[in-house]
């Protein structure tokens, strides 16, 4: 009895979808709007691993360039450059950061390169990450991989990052892709 009810429910949903699809005009192609945008960003990086000597929370201030397509599933490609600074234990650390990510829907994947210094020693870190992100923000989790100096480890190996665009500096519409003809 229960199997029959489930089967009838699926038949009803299928017929309902078919009947509603007849009402949609398929003569007009969808519109894909593509934009390029420059913006000021701010971010916060939180240490996920618990280490008293390397408790490093940092903030980022910088600029990013975003190219994105507005459609049912948004797609974006962002590149950015920023200055990161914060505390590693009791020591002030700072350094430049460059990176980029690709986003589709609400998911993003990317990487960045950061050069941390305490003004006596330095180290480069490569950080691949993934998480949630679109053209204006990202929330990611990443692994800091040491590239050079093994003695100087100012940040933990695992970081949670929140970065968002504060102000749009310039937005230009690239073109209407597949725009309907009149």
N, C-alpha and C. Protein backbone atom coordinates (compact mmCIF):
# COMPACT_ATOMS: atom_id res chain seq x y z
N UNK A 1 0.82 -1.20 0.00
CA UNK A 1 0.00 0.00 0.00
C UNK A 1 0.86 1.27 0.00
N UNK A 2 1.89 1.27 0.86
CA UNK A 2 2.76 2.44 0.95
C UNK A 2 3.55 2.64 -0.34
N UNK A 3 4.01 1.56 -0.96
CA UNK A 3 4.75 1.66 -2.21
C UNK A 3 3.86 2.26 -3.30
N UNK A 4 2.62 1.90 -3.31
CA UNK A 4 1.69 2.43 -4.30
C UNK A 4 1.48 3.94 -4.11
N UNK A 5 1.39 4.39 -2.86
CA UNK A 5 1.23 5.82 -2.60
C UNK A 5 2.46 6.61 -3.04
N UNK A 6 3.64 6.09 -2.80
CA UNK A 6 4.87 6.75 -3.21
C UNK A 6 4.94 6.82 -4.73
N UNK A 7 4.59 5.72 -5.40
CA UNK A 7 4.58 5.69 -6.86
C UNK A 7 3.60 6.72 -7.43
N UNK A 8 2.39 6.80 -6.87
CA UNK A 8 1.40 7.77 -7.34
C UNK A 8 1.87 9.20 -7.08
N UNK A 9 2.53 9.43 -5.97
CA UNK A 9 3.07 10.76 -5.68
C UNK A 9 4.10 11.18 -6.73
N UNK A 10 5.02 10.28 -7.08
CA UNK A 10 6.02 10.59 -8.10
C UNK A 10 5.39 10.81 -9.47
N UNK A 11 4.37 10.05 -9.81
CA UNK A 11 3.66 10.25 -11.08
C UNK A 11 2.99 11.63 -11.08
N UNK A 12 2.37 12.00 -9.95
CA UNK A 12 1.73 13.32 -9.84
C UNK A 12 2.76 14.44 -10.01
N UNK A 13 3.91 14.35 -9.35
CA UNK A 13 4.94 15.37 -9.46
C UNK A 13 5.46 15.46 -10.90
N UNK A 14 5.67 14.33 -11.54
CA UNK A 14 6.14 14.32 -12.92
C UNK A 14 5.13 14.99 -13.84
N UNK A 15 3.86 14.63 -13.73
CA UNK A 15 2.83 15.24 -14.57
C UNK A 15 2.68 16.73 -14.28
N UNK A 16 2.79 17.13 -13.03
CA UNK A 16 2.69 18.54 -12.66
C UNK A 16 3.85 19.34 -13.28
N UNK A 17 5.05 18.78 -13.25
CA UNK A 17 6.20 19.46 -13.85
C UNK A 17 6.05 19.57 -15.36
N UNK A 18 5.57 18.53 -16.01
CA UNK A 18 5.39 18.56 -17.45
C UNK A 18 4.33 19.59 -17.83
N UNK A 19 3.24 19.64 -17.08
CA UNK A 19 2.18 20.60 -17.40
C UNK A 19 2.64 22.04 -17.17
N UNK A 20 3.45 22.30 -16.17
CA UNK A 20 3.95 23.65 -15.92
C UNK A 20 5.03 24.04 -16.91
N UNK A 21 5.78 23.10 -17.42
CA UNK A 21 6.83 23.44 -18.37
C UNK A 21 6.26 23.92 -19.70
N UNK A 22 5.00 23.60 -19.98
CA UNK A 22 4.38 24.05 -21.22
C UNK A 22 4.07 25.55 -21.19
N UNK A 23 4.03 26.16 -20.00
CA UNK A 23 3.72 27.57 -19.87
C UNK A 23 4.94 28.46 -20.04
N UNK A 24 6.14 27.93 -20.02
CA UNK A 24 7.37 28.71 -20.11
C UNK A 24 7.67 29.00 -21.57
N UNK A 25 7.96 30.27 -21.88
CA UNK A 25 8.36 30.62 -23.23
C UNK A 25 9.83 30.23 -23.41
N UNK A 26 10.08 29.42 -24.38
CA UNK A 26 11.46 29.03 -24.64
C UNK A 26 12.01 29.71 -25.89
N UNK A 27 11.27 30.70 -26.40
CA UNK A 27 11.75 31.42 -27.58
C UNK A 27 12.83 32.44 -27.23
N UNK A 28 12.79 32.99 -26.02
CA UNK A 28 13.79 33.96 -25.59
C UNK A 28 14.94 33.25 -24.90
N UNK A 29 16.17 33.42 -25.40
CA UNK A 29 17.31 32.79 -24.72
C UNK A 29 17.59 33.49 -23.39
N UNK A 30 18.21 32.80 -22.45
CA UNK A 30 18.51 33.42 -21.15
C UNK A 30 19.58 34.51 -21.31
N UNK A 31 19.59 35.43 -20.37
CA UNK A 31 20.56 36.52 -20.38
C UNK A 31 21.67 36.21 -19.37
N UNK A 32 22.91 36.32 -19.83
CA UNK A 32 24.07 36.15 -18.97
C UNK A 32 24.75 37.51 -18.93
N UNK A 33 24.75 38.17 -17.80
CA UNK A 33 25.43 39.44 -17.66
C UNK A 33 26.80 39.21 -17.05
N UNK A 34 27.84 39.76 -17.68
CA UNK A 34 29.20 39.60 -17.18
C UNK A 34 29.72 40.95 -16.71
N UNK A 35 30.35 40.97 -15.53
CA UNK A 35 30.86 42.19 -14.93
C UNK A 35 32.31 42.03 -14.52
N UNK A 36 33.04 43.15 -14.51
CA UNK A 36 34.36 43.25 -13.89
C UNK A 36 34.25 44.27 -12.79
N UNK A 37 34.81 43.95 -11.62
CA UNK A 37 34.67 44.83 -10.48
C UNK A 37 35.97 44.88 -9.68
N UNK A 38 36.32 46.07 -9.22
CA UNK A 38 37.44 46.26 -8.30
C UNK A 38 36.87 46.71 -6.97
N UNK A 39 37.39 46.20 -5.88
CA UNK A 39 36.85 46.58 -4.58
C UNK A 39 37.89 46.51 -3.47
N UNK A 40 37.63 47.27 -2.41
CA UNK A 40 38.45 47.19 -1.20
C UNK A 40 37.93 46.05 -0.33
N UNK A 41 38.85 45.28 0.21
CA UNK A 41 38.46 44.11 1.00
C UNK A 41 39.04 44.18 2.40
N UNK A 42 38.40 43.46 3.29
CA UNK A 42 38.91 43.26 4.63
C UNK A 42 38.63 41.81 5.00
N UNK A 43 39.55 41.23 5.74
CA UNK A 43 39.39 39.83 6.11
C UNK A 43 39.91 39.54 7.50
N UNK A 44 39.47 38.41 8.04
CA UNK A 44 39.93 37.95 9.35
C UNK A 44 40.31 36.49 9.22
N UNK A 45 41.49 36.12 9.69
CA UNK A 45 41.98 34.74 9.64
C UNK A 45 42.10 34.22 11.06
N UNK A 46 41.43 33.13 11.34
CA UNK A 46 41.35 32.57 12.68
C UNK A 46 42.06 31.23 12.73
N UNK A 47 42.94 31.06 13.71
CA UNK A 47 43.67 29.79 13.87
C UNK A 47 42.74 28.71 14.37
N UNK A 48 42.76 27.57 13.70
CA UNK A 48 41.91 26.45 14.12
C UNK A 48 42.63 25.45 15.01
N UNK A 49 43.94 25.35 14.87
CA UNK A 49 44.69 24.43 15.72
C UNK A 49 45.06 25.13 17.01
N UNK A 50 45.08 24.38 18.09
CA UNK A 50 45.33 24.96 19.41
C UNK A 50 46.80 24.82 19.76
N UNK A 51 47.51 25.91 19.68
CA UNK A 51 48.92 25.93 20.05
C UNK A 51 49.19 27.25 20.75
N UNK A 52 49.59 27.22 21.99
CA UNK A 52 49.78 28.45 22.77
C UNK A 52 50.89 29.31 22.20
N UNK A 53 51.91 28.67 21.65
CA UNK A 53 53.03 29.46 21.13
C UNK A 53 52.74 30.05 19.75
N UNK A 54 51.77 29.50 19.04
CA UNK A 54 51.50 29.96 17.68
C UNK A 54 50.05 30.39 17.52
N UNK A 55 49.46 30.98 18.53
CA UNK A 55 48.09 31.44 18.42
C UNK A 55 48.08 32.71 17.58
N UNK A 56 47.84 32.58 16.29
CA UNK A 56 47.95 33.70 15.35
C UNK A 56 46.60 33.99 14.71
N UNK A 57 46.03 35.12 15.04
CA UNK A 57 44.85 35.63 14.36
C UNK A 57 45.27 36.88 13.63
N UNK A 58 44.96 36.96 12.34
CA UNK A 58 45.41 38.09 11.53
C UNK A 58 44.23 38.74 10.83
N UNK A 59 44.45 39.98 10.43
CA UNK A 59 43.46 40.68 9.61
C UNK A 59 44.11 41.04 8.28
N UNK A 60 43.29 41.16 7.25
CA UNK A 60 43.76 41.52 5.91
C UNK A 60 43.08 42.81 5.48
N UNK A 61 43.81 43.64 4.79
CA UNK A 61 43.28 44.83 4.14
C UNK A 61 43.89 44.87 2.75
N UNK A 62 43.05 45.00 1.73
CA UNK A 62 43.60 44.98 0.38
C UNK A 62 42.59 45.33 -0.68
N UNK A 63 42.90 44.90 -1.90
CA UNK A 63 42.07 45.18 -3.06
C UNK A 63 41.92 43.88 -3.85
N UNK A 64 40.74 43.68 -4.44
CA UNK A 64 40.59 42.53 -5.31
C UNK A 64 39.87 42.89 -6.59
N UNK A 65 40.13 42.08 -7.58
CA UNK A 65 39.52 42.22 -8.90
C UNK A 65 38.64 40.99 -9.11
N UNK A 66 37.41 41.24 -9.44
CA UNK A 66 36.45 40.16 -9.59
C UNK A 66 35.83 40.21 -10.98
N UNK A 67 35.75 39.07 -11.63
CA UNK A 67 34.98 38.92 -12.85
C UNK A 67 33.89 37.90 -12.54
N UNK A 68 32.66 38.29 -12.79
CA UNK A 68 31.58 37.37 -12.46
C UNK A 68 30.46 37.44 -13.48
N UNK A 69 29.74 36.35 -13.56
CA UNK A 69 28.60 36.21 -14.46
C UNK A 69 27.36 36.04 -13.60
N UNK A 70 26.35 36.89 -13.85
CA UNK A 70 25.08 36.76 -13.15
C UNK A 70 24.16 35.88 -13.98
N UNK A 71 23.75 34.80 -13.39
CA UNK A 71 22.79 33.90 -14.01
C UNK A 71 22.19 33.05 -12.90
N UNK A 72 21.52 31.99 -13.26
CA UNK A 72 20.91 31.11 -12.26
C UNK A 72 21.98 30.59 -11.30
N UNK A 73 23.10 30.16 -11.84
CA UNK A 73 24.25 29.73 -11.03
C UNK A 73 25.36 30.75 -11.27
N UNK A 74 25.63 31.62 -10.27
CA UNK A 74 26.68 32.62 -10.48
C UNK A 74 28.06 31.98 -10.55
N UNK A 75 28.91 32.58 -11.38
CA UNK A 75 30.28 32.11 -11.56
C UNK A 75 31.19 33.30 -11.36
N UNK A 76 32.30 33.12 -10.63
CA UNK A 76 33.22 34.24 -10.42
C UNK A 76 34.66 33.76 -10.44
N UNK A 77 35.55 34.70 -10.78
CA UNK A 77 36.99 34.48 -10.72
C UNK A 77 37.59 35.73 -10.08
N UNK A 78 38.19 35.59 -8.92
CA UNK A 78 38.74 36.72 -8.18
C UNK A 78 40.24 36.59 -8.02
N UNK A 79 40.94 37.70 -8.12
CA UNK A 79 42.36 37.79 -7.76
C UNK A 79 42.49 38.95 -6.78
N UNK A 80 43.44 38.85 -5.88
CA UNK A 80 43.55 39.87 -4.85
C UNK A 80 44.99 40.02 -4.37
N UNK A 81 45.24 41.19 -3.79
CA UNK A 81 46.50 41.50 -3.13
C UNK A 81 46.15 42.24 -1.85
N UNK A 82 46.79 41.87 -0.75
CA UNK A 82 46.47 42.50 0.52
C UNK A 82 47.69 42.50 1.44
N UNK A 83 47.55 43.22 2.52
CA UNK A 83 48.52 43.22 3.61
C UNK A 83 47.86 42.50 4.77
N UNK A 84 48.54 41.52 5.33
CA UNK A 84 48.01 40.81 6.48
C UNK A 84 48.86 41.16 7.70
N UNK A 85 48.21 41.35 8.83
CA UNK A 85 48.92 41.69 10.06
C UNK A 85 48.16 41.15 11.25
N UNK A 86 48.91 40.89 12.32
CA UNK A 86 48.29 40.37 13.53
C UNK A 86 49.31 39.98 14.56
N UNK A 87 48.87 39.18 15.51
CA UNK A 87 49.74 38.73 16.59
C UNK A 87 49.98 37.24 16.49
N UNK A 88 51.24 36.86 16.66
CA UNK A 88 51.62 35.46 16.77
C UNK A 88 52.16 35.28 18.17
N UNK A 89 51.32 34.83 19.08
CA UNK A 89 51.70 34.84 20.49
C UNK A 89 51.76 36.28 20.95
N UNK A 90 52.93 36.75 21.36
CA UNK A 90 53.12 38.15 21.75
C UNK A 90 53.86 38.95 20.68
N UNK A 91 54.15 38.35 19.54
CA UNK A 91 54.94 38.99 18.49
C UNK A 91 54.03 39.51 17.38
N UNK A 92 54.28 40.76 16.97
CA UNK A 92 53.54 41.34 15.84
C UNK A 92 54.11 40.77 14.54
N UNK A 93 53.22 40.28 13.66
CA UNK A 93 53.63 39.77 12.34
C UNK A 93 52.87 40.53 11.27
N UNK A 94 53.48 40.64 10.10
CA UNK A 94 52.84 41.29 8.97
C UNK A 94 53.44 40.75 7.69
N UNK A 95 52.77 41.03 6.58
CA UNK A 95 53.33 40.61 5.31
C UNK A 95 52.35 40.76 4.17
N UNK A 96 52.87 40.77 2.95
CA UNK A 96 52.00 40.84 1.77
C UNK A 96 51.39 39.48 1.45
N UNK A 97 50.22 39.53 0.81
CA UNK A 97 49.51 38.31 0.42
C UNK A 97 48.95 38.51 -0.98
N UNK A 98 49.10 37.51 -1.85
CA UNK A 98 48.46 37.52 -3.15
C UNK A 98 47.73 36.19 -3.32
N UNK A 99 46.64 36.21 -4.06
CA UNK A 99 45.90 34.97 -4.24
C UNK A 99 44.79 35.11 -5.25
N UNK A 100 44.07 34.03 -5.42
CA UNK A 100 42.94 34.00 -6.32
C UNK A 100 42.06 32.81 -6.06
N UNK A 101 40.81 32.92 -6.49
CA UNK A 101 39.90 31.77 -6.35
C UNK A 101 38.85 31.80 -7.44
N UNK A 102 38.29 30.63 -7.67
CA UNK A 102 37.19 30.43 -8.60
C UNK A 102 35.97 30.01 -7.80
N UNK A 103 34.83 30.57 -8.15
CA UNK A 103 33.60 30.22 -7.46
C UNK A 103 32.51 29.86 -8.44
N UNK A 104 31.70 28.89 -8.07
CA UNK A 104 30.55 28.50 -8.88
C UNK A 104 29.41 28.19 -7.92
N UNK A 105 28.32 28.89 -8.08
CA UNK A 105 27.25 28.77 -7.11
C UNK A 105 27.72 29.38 -5.82
N UNK A 106 27.70 28.62 -4.76
CA UNK A 106 28.17 29.11 -3.47
C UNK A 106 29.52 28.50 -3.07
N UNK A 107 30.11 27.66 -3.90
CA UNK A 107 31.36 26.99 -3.57
C UNK A 107 32.54 27.68 -4.23
N UNK A 108 33.67 27.70 -3.54
CA UNK A 108 34.86 28.29 -4.15
C UNK A 108 36.08 27.45 -3.77
N UNK A 109 37.10 27.56 -4.62
CA UNK A 109 38.37 26.89 -4.40
C UNK A 109 39.46 27.84 -4.88
N UNK A 110 40.54 27.93 -4.12
CA UNK A 110 41.60 28.86 -4.51
C UNK A 110 42.87 28.61 -3.73
N UNK A 111 43.80 29.55 -3.89
CA UNK A 111 45.06 29.47 -3.16
C UNK A 111 45.64 30.87 -3.02
N UNK A 112 46.57 31.00 -2.07
CA UNK A 112 47.23 32.27 -1.85
C UNK A 112 48.66 32.03 -1.38
N UNK A 113 49.48 33.06 -1.56
CA UNK A 113 50.87 33.03 -1.13
C UNK A 113 51.08 34.21 -0.19
N UNK A 114 51.62 33.94 0.99
CA UNK A 114 51.82 34.97 2.00
C UNK A 114 53.26 34.94 2.48
N UNK A 115 53.84 36.12 2.66
CA UNK A 115 55.19 36.24 3.21
C UNK A 115 55.07 36.89 4.58
N UNK A 116 55.17 36.09 5.65
CA UNK A 116 55.07 36.62 7.01
C UNK A 116 56.45 37.03 7.51
N UNK A 117 56.48 38.11 8.27
CA UNK A 117 57.72 38.54 8.91
C UNK A 117 57.41 39.12 10.28
N UNK A 118 58.36 38.98 11.19
CA UNK A 118 58.30 39.68 12.48
C UNK A 118 59.38 40.75 12.53
N UNK A 119 59.92 41.11 11.36
CA UNK A 119 60.95 42.12 11.13
C UNK A 119 62.33 41.69 11.62
N UNK A 120 62.47 40.44 12.04
CA UNK A 120 63.78 39.85 12.28
C UNK A 120 63.96 38.57 11.48
N UNK A 121 62.87 37.90 11.17
CA UNK A 121 62.89 36.66 10.40
C UNK A 121 61.67 36.65 9.48
N UNK A 122 61.65 35.76 8.48
CA UNK A 122 60.54 35.71 7.54
C UNK A 122 60.29 34.27 7.11
N UNK A 123 59.13 34.05 6.50
CA UNK A 123 58.78 32.76 5.94
C UNK A 123 57.68 32.94 4.91
N UNK A 124 57.73 32.17 3.83
CA UNK A 124 56.69 32.17 2.81
C UNK A 124 55.77 30.98 3.06
N UNK A 125 54.46 31.21 2.88
CA UNK A 125 53.47 30.16 3.04
C UNK A 125 52.59 30.09 1.80
N UNK A 126 52.36 28.88 1.33
CA UNK A 126 51.40 28.60 0.27
C UNK A 126 50.16 28.03 0.94
N UNK A 127 48.98 28.59 0.65
CA UNK A 127 47.76 28.16 1.33
C UNK A 127 46.67 27.81 0.31
N UNK A 128 46.46 26.53 0.04
CA UNK A 128 45.28 26.14 -0.75
C UNK A 128 44.06 26.15 0.17
N UNK A 129 42.90 26.52 -0.37
CA UNK A 129 41.70 26.57 0.47
C UNK A 129 40.45 26.26 -0.35
N UNK A 130 39.38 25.96 0.37
CA UNK A 130 38.07 25.75 -0.24
C UNK A 130 37.02 26.22 0.75
N UNK A 131 35.83 26.46 0.26
CA UNK A 131 34.76 26.90 1.15
C UNK A 131 33.60 27.50 0.38
N UNK A 132 32.94 28.45 1.02
CA UNK A 132 31.81 29.15 0.43
C UNK A 132 32.29 30.50 -0.06
N UNK A 133 31.89 30.87 -1.27
CA UNK A 133 32.31 32.17 -1.77
C UNK A 133 31.68 32.54 -3.08
N UNK A 134 31.41 33.82 -3.23
CA UNK A 134 30.94 34.40 -4.48
C UNK A 134 31.82 35.61 -4.77
N UNK A 135 31.35 36.52 -5.60
CA UNK A 135 32.22 37.63 -6.01
C UNK A 135 32.46 38.64 -4.90
N UNK A 136 31.63 38.71 -3.87
CA UNK A 136 31.77 39.74 -2.84
C UNK A 136 32.29 39.24 -1.50
N UNK A 137 32.31 37.96 -1.27
CA UNK A 137 32.80 37.44 0.00
C UNK A 137 33.25 36.00 -0.15
N UNK A 138 33.98 35.54 0.86
CA UNK A 138 34.33 34.12 0.92
C UNK A 138 34.56 33.72 2.38
N UNK A 139 34.16 32.53 2.71
CA UNK A 139 34.43 31.90 4.00
C UNK A 139 35.10 30.58 3.67
N UNK A 140 36.37 30.45 4.05
CA UNK A 140 37.14 29.29 3.61
C UNK A 140 37.94 28.69 4.75
N UNK A 141 38.36 27.45 4.52
CA UNK A 141 39.28 26.78 5.42
C UNK A 141 40.49 26.39 4.57
N UNK A 142 41.68 26.68 5.09
CA UNK A 142 42.89 26.42 4.31
C UNK A 142 44.02 25.89 5.17
N UNK A 143 44.96 25.26 4.51
CA UNK A 143 46.14 24.70 5.17
C UNK A 143 47.37 25.52 4.79
N UNK A 144 48.06 26.06 5.78
CA UNK A 144 49.28 26.82 5.54
C UNK A 144 50.45 25.85 5.35
N UNK A 145 51.07 25.91 4.18
CA UNK A 145 52.19 25.02 3.87
C UNK A 145 53.46 25.87 3.80
N UNK A 146 54.44 25.54 4.63
CA UNK A 146 55.69 26.30 4.66
C UNK A 146 56.45 26.10 3.35
N UNK A 147 57.01 27.22 2.85
CA UNK A 147 57.75 27.14 1.60
C UNK A 147 59.25 27.31 1.80
N UNK A 148 59.67 28.01 2.85
CA UNK A 148 61.11 28.28 2.98
C UNK A 148 61.64 27.96 4.38
N UNK A 149 61.55 28.86 5.30
CA UNK A 149 62.24 28.82 6.59
C UNK A 149 61.49 27.94 7.59
N UNK A 150 62.05 26.80 7.95
CA UNK A 150 61.36 25.90 8.88
C UNK A 150 61.47 26.35 10.33
N UNK A 151 62.41 27.23 10.64
CA UNK A 151 62.57 27.70 12.03
C UNK A 151 61.53 28.74 12.41
N UNK A 152 61.06 29.49 11.45
CA UNK A 152 60.10 30.57 11.71
C UNK A 152 58.71 30.14 11.27
N UNK A 153 57.85 29.81 12.23
CA UNK A 153 56.49 29.35 11.95
C UNK A 153 55.52 30.25 12.73
N UNK A 154 55.18 31.44 12.19
CA UNK A 154 54.37 32.38 12.95
C UNK A 154 52.87 32.08 12.97
N UNK A 155 52.40 31.22 12.08
CA UNK A 155 50.97 30.91 12.01
C UNK A 155 50.77 29.40 12.12
N UNK A 156 49.56 29.04 12.48
CA UNK A 156 49.22 27.63 12.59
C UNK A 156 49.00 27.02 11.21
N UNK A 157 48.97 25.71 11.16
CA UNK A 157 48.85 25.01 9.88
C UNK A 157 47.44 25.04 9.32
N UNK A 158 46.44 25.36 10.12
CA UNK A 158 45.06 25.35 9.66
C UNK A 158 44.39 26.66 10.05
N UNK A 159 43.79 27.34 9.05
CA UNK A 159 43.16 28.64 9.30
C UNK A 159 41.75 28.68 8.71
N UNK A 160 40.86 29.36 9.40
CA UNK A 160 39.52 29.67 8.91
C UNK A 160 39.53 31.15 8.54
N UNK A 161 39.11 31.48 7.32
CA UNK A 161 39.19 32.86 6.84
C UNK A 161 37.82 33.37 6.42
N UNK A 162 37.57 34.61 6.76
CA UNK A 162 36.39 35.33 6.30
C UNK A 162 36.88 36.60 5.63
N UNK A 163 36.59 36.77 4.35
CA UNK A 163 37.00 37.95 3.59
C UNK A 163 35.78 38.48 2.87
N UNK A 164 35.60 39.80 2.95
CA UNK A 164 34.46 40.41 2.27
C UNK A 164 34.83 41.74 1.66
N UNK A 165 34.12 42.09 0.61
CA UNK A 165 34.33 43.36 -0.06
C UNK A 165 33.62 44.44 0.72
N UNK A 166 34.36 45.49 1.11
CA UNK A 166 33.76 46.59 1.86
C UNK A 166 33.15 47.63 0.93
N UNK A 167 33.89 47.99 -0.11
CA UNK A 167 33.46 49.05 -1.03
C UNK A 167 33.79 48.63 -2.45
N UNK A 168 32.88 48.88 -3.36
CA UNK A 168 33.16 48.67 -4.77
C UNK A 168 33.79 49.94 -5.33
N UNK A 169 34.99 49.82 -5.90
CA UNK A 169 35.67 50.98 -6.46
C UNK A 169 35.25 51.26 -7.90
N UNK A 170 35.09 50.20 -8.68
CA UNK A 170 34.71 50.37 -10.08
C UNK A 170 34.04 49.09 -10.56
N UNK A 171 32.89 49.23 -11.19
CA UNK A 171 32.18 48.10 -11.78
C UNK A 171 31.86 48.43 -13.23
N UNK A 172 32.24 47.53 -14.12
CA UNK A 172 31.93 47.71 -15.53
C UNK A 172 31.24 46.46 -16.05
N UNK A 173 30.22 46.69 -16.86
CA UNK A 173 29.51 45.58 -17.49
C UNK A 173 30.27 45.23 -18.76
N UNK A 174 30.67 43.98 -18.89
CA UNK A 174 31.48 43.57 -20.03
C UNK A 174 30.61 43.44 -21.27
N UNK A 175 29.58 42.62 -21.20
CA UNK A 175 28.71 42.42 -22.35
C UNK A 175 27.52 41.59 -21.93
N UNK A 176 26.49 41.65 -22.75
CA UNK A 176 25.35 40.74 -22.60
C UNK A 176 25.62 39.53 -23.44
N UNK A 177 25.86 38.42 -22.80
CA UNK A 177 26.09 37.18 -23.54
C UNK A 177 24.74 36.53 -23.82
N UNK A 178 24.51 36.17 -25.04
CA UNK A 178 23.25 35.55 -25.45
C UNK A 178 22.06 36.42 -25.14
N UNK A 179 22.17 37.71 -25.31
CA UNK A 179 21.04 38.60 -25.02
C UNK A 179 19.96 38.41 -26.09
N UNK A 180 18.70 38.55 -25.70
CA UNK A 180 17.62 38.35 -26.67
C UNK A 180 17.64 39.43 -27.74
N UNK A 181 17.30 39.05 -28.93
CA UNK A 181 17.23 40.02 -30.02
C UNK A 181 15.81 40.54 -30.12
N UNK A 182 15.69 41.79 -30.45
CA UNK A 182 14.35 42.41 -30.56
C UNK A 182 13.87 42.41 -31.98
